[in-house]
């Protein structure tokens, strides 16, 4: 028997990180990671892991949600 899909609340907040604007992604009031703008695009970072280069903010949000799903 399969589990019923349940909607999950995802919050994206604008914050200032290291003097630059960034996005903070949270799921169920738990911070998943951040997305920062760089000279060459964007970087998504989960916790203390190394930042991963992504092409857009949307791709960064998708990456962070995938990382959350892998660990929870």
N, C-alpha and C. Protein backbone atom coordinates (compact mmCIF):
# COMPACT_ATOMS: atom_id res chain seq x y z
N UNK A 1 0.84 -1.16 0.00
CA UNK A 1 0.00 0.00 0.00
C UNK A 1 0.90 1.24 0.00
N UNK A 2 0.64 2.17 -0.89
CA UNK A 2 1.47 3.36 -0.98
C UNK A 2 0.99 4.45 -0.02
N UNK A 3 1.94 5.31 0.33
CA UNK A 3 1.61 6.42 1.21
C UNK A 3 0.93 7.51 0.41
N UNK A 4 0.03 8.21 1.06
CA UNK A 4 -0.65 9.33 0.43
C UNK A 4 0.29 10.53 0.40
N UNK A 5 0.36 11.20 -0.73
CA UNK A 5 1.21 12.40 -0.83
C UNK A 5 0.59 13.52 -0.01
N UNK A 6 1.43 14.16 0.79
CA UNK A 6 0.98 15.25 1.62
C UNK A 6 1.71 16.53 1.22
N UNK A 7 1.01 17.64 1.16
CA UNK A 7 1.69 18.89 0.83
C UNK A 7 2.67 19.30 1.93
N UNK A 8 3.78 19.89 1.52
CA UNK A 8 4.82 20.32 2.46
C UNK A 8 5.00 21.82 2.29
N UNK A 9 5.08 22.52 3.41
CA UNK A 9 5.25 23.97 3.39
C UNK A 9 6.73 24.32 3.20
N UNK A 10 7.02 25.01 2.09
CA UNK A 10 8.38 25.46 1.80
C UNK A 10 8.38 26.98 1.87
N UNK A 11 9.30 27.54 2.66
CA UNK A 11 9.41 29.00 2.80
C UNK A 11 10.75 29.46 2.23
N UNK A 12 10.70 30.54 1.44
CA UNK A 12 11.91 31.13 0.87
C UNK A 12 11.98 32.57 1.35
N UNK A 13 12.99 32.87 2.18
CA UNK A 13 13.13 34.20 2.78
C UNK A 13 14.40 34.87 2.29
N UNK A 14 14.33 36.18 2.08
CA UNK A 14 15.51 36.96 1.72
C UNK A 14 16.25 37.33 3.00
N UNK A 15 17.57 37.08 3.01
CA UNK A 15 18.40 37.40 4.17
C UNK A 15 19.69 38.07 3.68
N UNK A 16 20.45 38.61 4.61
CA UNK A 16 21.78 39.14 4.32
C UNK A 16 22.78 38.18 4.93
N UNK A 17 23.68 37.63 4.09
CA UNK A 17 24.66 36.66 4.52
C UNK A 17 26.03 37.11 4.06
N UNK A 18 26.94 37.32 4.99
CA UNK A 18 28.30 37.80 4.68
C UNK A 18 28.27 39.10 3.88
N UNK A 19 27.33 39.98 4.21
CA UNK A 19 27.25 41.28 3.57
C UNK A 19 26.59 41.27 2.20
N UNK A 20 26.05 40.14 1.76
CA UNK A 20 25.40 40.05 0.46
C UNK A 20 23.99 39.49 0.63
N UNK A 21 23.12 39.81 -0.31
CA UNK A 21 21.76 39.28 -0.27
C UNK A 21 21.77 37.79 -0.62
N UNK A 22 20.92 37.03 0.04
CA UNK A 22 20.82 35.60 -0.19
C UNK A 22 19.39 35.14 0.07
N UNK A 23 19.08 33.93 -0.36
CA UNK A 23 17.79 33.32 -0.08
C UNK A 23 17.99 32.17 0.89
N UNK A 24 17.11 32.08 1.87
CA UNK A 24 17.16 30.99 2.85
C UNK A 24 15.93 30.12 2.63
N UNK A 25 16.14 28.85 2.39
CA UNK A 25 15.05 27.91 2.13
C UNK A 25 14.78 27.10 3.39
N UNK A 26 13.51 27.08 3.82
CA UNK A 26 13.09 26.34 5.02
C UNK A 26 11.94 25.42 4.67
N UNK A 27 11.94 24.23 5.27
CA UNK A 27 10.84 23.29 5.13
C UNK A 27 10.40 22.91 6.53
N UNK A 28 9.10 23.08 6.79
CA UNK A 28 8.54 22.80 8.12
C UNK A 28 9.31 23.53 9.22
N UNK A 29 9.59 24.79 9.04
CA UNK A 29 10.30 25.63 10.01
C UNK A 29 11.73 25.16 10.29
N UNK A 30 12.29 24.32 9.45
CA UNK A 30 13.68 23.86 9.58
C UNK A 30 14.47 24.41 8.39
N UNK A 31 15.54 25.15 8.68
CA UNK A 31 16.35 25.73 7.60
C UNK A 31 17.08 24.61 6.86
N UNK A 32 16.90 24.57 5.54
CA UNK A 32 17.52 23.54 4.71
C UNK A 32 18.86 24.04 4.19
N UNK A 33 18.89 25.27 3.69
CA UNK A 33 20.13 25.83 3.15
C UNK A 33 19.92 27.22 2.60
N UNK A 34 20.96 27.72 1.92
CA UNK A 34 20.93 29.07 1.38
C UNK A 34 21.34 29.07 -0.09
N UNK A 35 20.93 30.13 -0.79
CA UNK A 35 21.33 30.35 -2.18
C UNK A 35 21.90 31.75 -2.26
N UNK A 36 23.15 31.86 -2.72
CA UNK A 36 23.81 33.15 -2.84
C UNK A 36 24.12 33.45 -4.30
N UNK A 37 24.11 34.74 -4.63
CA UNK A 37 24.50 35.18 -5.96
C UNK A 37 26.01 35.35 -6.00
N UNK A 38 26.64 34.85 -7.06
CA UNK A 38 28.08 35.02 -7.26
C UNK A 38 28.31 35.73 -8.59
N UNK A 39 29.55 36.02 -8.89
CA UNK A 39 29.88 36.69 -10.15
C UNK A 39 29.52 35.83 -11.36
N UNK A 40 29.59 34.51 -11.20
CA UNK A 40 29.35 33.61 -12.32
C UNK A 40 27.99 32.92 -12.27
N UNK A 41 27.14 33.27 -11.34
CA UNK A 41 25.83 32.64 -11.23
C UNK A 41 25.35 32.56 -9.81
N UNK A 42 25.01 31.35 -9.37
CA UNK A 42 24.48 31.15 -8.04
C UNK A 42 25.16 29.96 -7.37
N UNK A 43 25.14 29.96 -6.04
CA UNK A 43 25.66 28.84 -5.25
C UNK A 43 24.62 28.45 -4.22
N UNK A 44 24.33 27.15 -4.16
CA UNK A 44 23.42 26.61 -3.15
C UNK A 44 24.25 25.87 -2.12
N UNK A 45 23.93 26.08 -0.85
CA UNK A 45 24.70 25.45 0.22
C UNK A 45 23.75 24.84 1.25
N UNK A 46 23.99 23.55 1.54
CA UNK A 46 23.21 22.83 2.54
C UNK A 46 24.04 22.77 3.82
N UNK A 47 23.56 23.42 4.87
CA UNK A 47 24.27 23.41 6.15
C UNK A 47 25.72 23.87 6.01
N UNK A 48 26.65 23.05 6.53
CA UNK A 48 28.07 23.40 6.48
C UNK A 48 28.78 22.75 5.29
N UNK A 49 28.03 22.09 4.39
CA UNK A 49 28.63 21.46 3.22
C UNK A 49 29.18 22.52 2.26
N UNK A 50 30.02 22.05 1.34
CA UNK A 50 30.57 22.97 0.34
C UNK A 50 29.46 23.48 -0.57
N UNK A 51 29.55 24.74 -1.01
CA UNK A 51 28.53 25.27 -1.92
C UNK A 51 28.59 24.56 -3.28
N UNK A 52 27.43 24.41 -3.90
CA UNK A 52 27.30 23.80 -5.21
C UNK A 52 26.87 24.88 -6.20
N UNK A 53 27.58 24.98 -7.34
CA UNK A 53 27.22 25.98 -8.35
C UNK A 53 25.96 25.53 -9.08
N UNK A 54 25.01 26.45 -9.20
CA UNK A 54 23.77 26.20 -9.94
C UNK A 54 23.55 27.34 -10.92
N UNK A 55 22.74 27.11 -11.94
CA UNK A 55 22.54 28.10 -13.00
C UNK A 55 21.53 29.18 -12.64
N UNK A 56 20.56 28.84 -11.77
CA UNK A 56 19.51 29.81 -11.43
C UNK A 56 19.06 29.60 -9.99
N UNK A 57 18.29 30.56 -9.51
CA UNK A 57 17.74 30.43 -8.15
C UNK A 57 16.78 29.26 -8.08
N UNK A 58 15.99 29.06 -9.13
CA UNK A 58 15.05 27.94 -9.15
C UNK A 58 15.78 26.60 -9.06
N UNK A 59 16.88 26.47 -9.80
CA UNK A 59 17.67 25.25 -9.73
C UNK A 59 18.25 25.06 -8.33
N UNK A 60 18.63 26.15 -7.69
CA UNK A 60 19.14 26.09 -6.32
C UNK A 60 18.08 25.61 -5.35
N UNK A 61 16.86 26.10 -5.50
CA UNK A 61 15.76 25.68 -4.63
C UNK A 61 15.50 24.19 -4.84
N UNK A 62 15.48 23.74 -6.09
CA UNK A 62 15.27 22.31 -6.38
C UNK A 62 16.37 21.46 -5.74
N UNK A 63 17.61 21.92 -5.82
CA UNK A 63 18.74 21.19 -5.23
C UNK A 63 18.57 21.06 -3.72
N UNK A 64 18.19 22.15 -3.06
CA UNK A 64 18.03 22.13 -1.61
C UNK A 64 16.89 21.22 -1.18
N UNK A 65 15.80 21.21 -1.94
CA UNK A 65 14.66 20.34 -1.62
C UNK A 65 15.07 18.87 -1.81
N UNK A 66 15.81 18.58 -2.87
CA UNK A 66 16.28 17.21 -3.09
C UNK A 66 17.20 16.78 -1.94
N UNK A 67 18.08 17.66 -1.51
CA UNK A 67 18.98 17.33 -0.40
C UNK A 67 18.18 17.07 0.87
N UNK A 68 17.15 17.85 1.10
CA UNK A 68 16.29 17.65 2.28
C UNK A 68 15.62 16.28 2.22
N UNK A 69 15.08 15.94 1.03
CA UNK A 69 14.39 14.66 0.88
C UNK A 69 15.33 13.47 1.07
N UNK A 70 16.59 13.61 0.72
CA UNK A 70 17.55 12.52 0.90
C UNK A 70 17.85 12.25 2.38
N UNK A 71 17.81 13.29 3.19
CA UNK A 71 18.23 13.17 4.58
C UNK A 71 17.05 13.05 5.56
N UNK A 72 15.82 13.13 5.06
CA UNK A 72 14.67 13.04 5.98
C UNK A 72 13.67 12.05 5.48
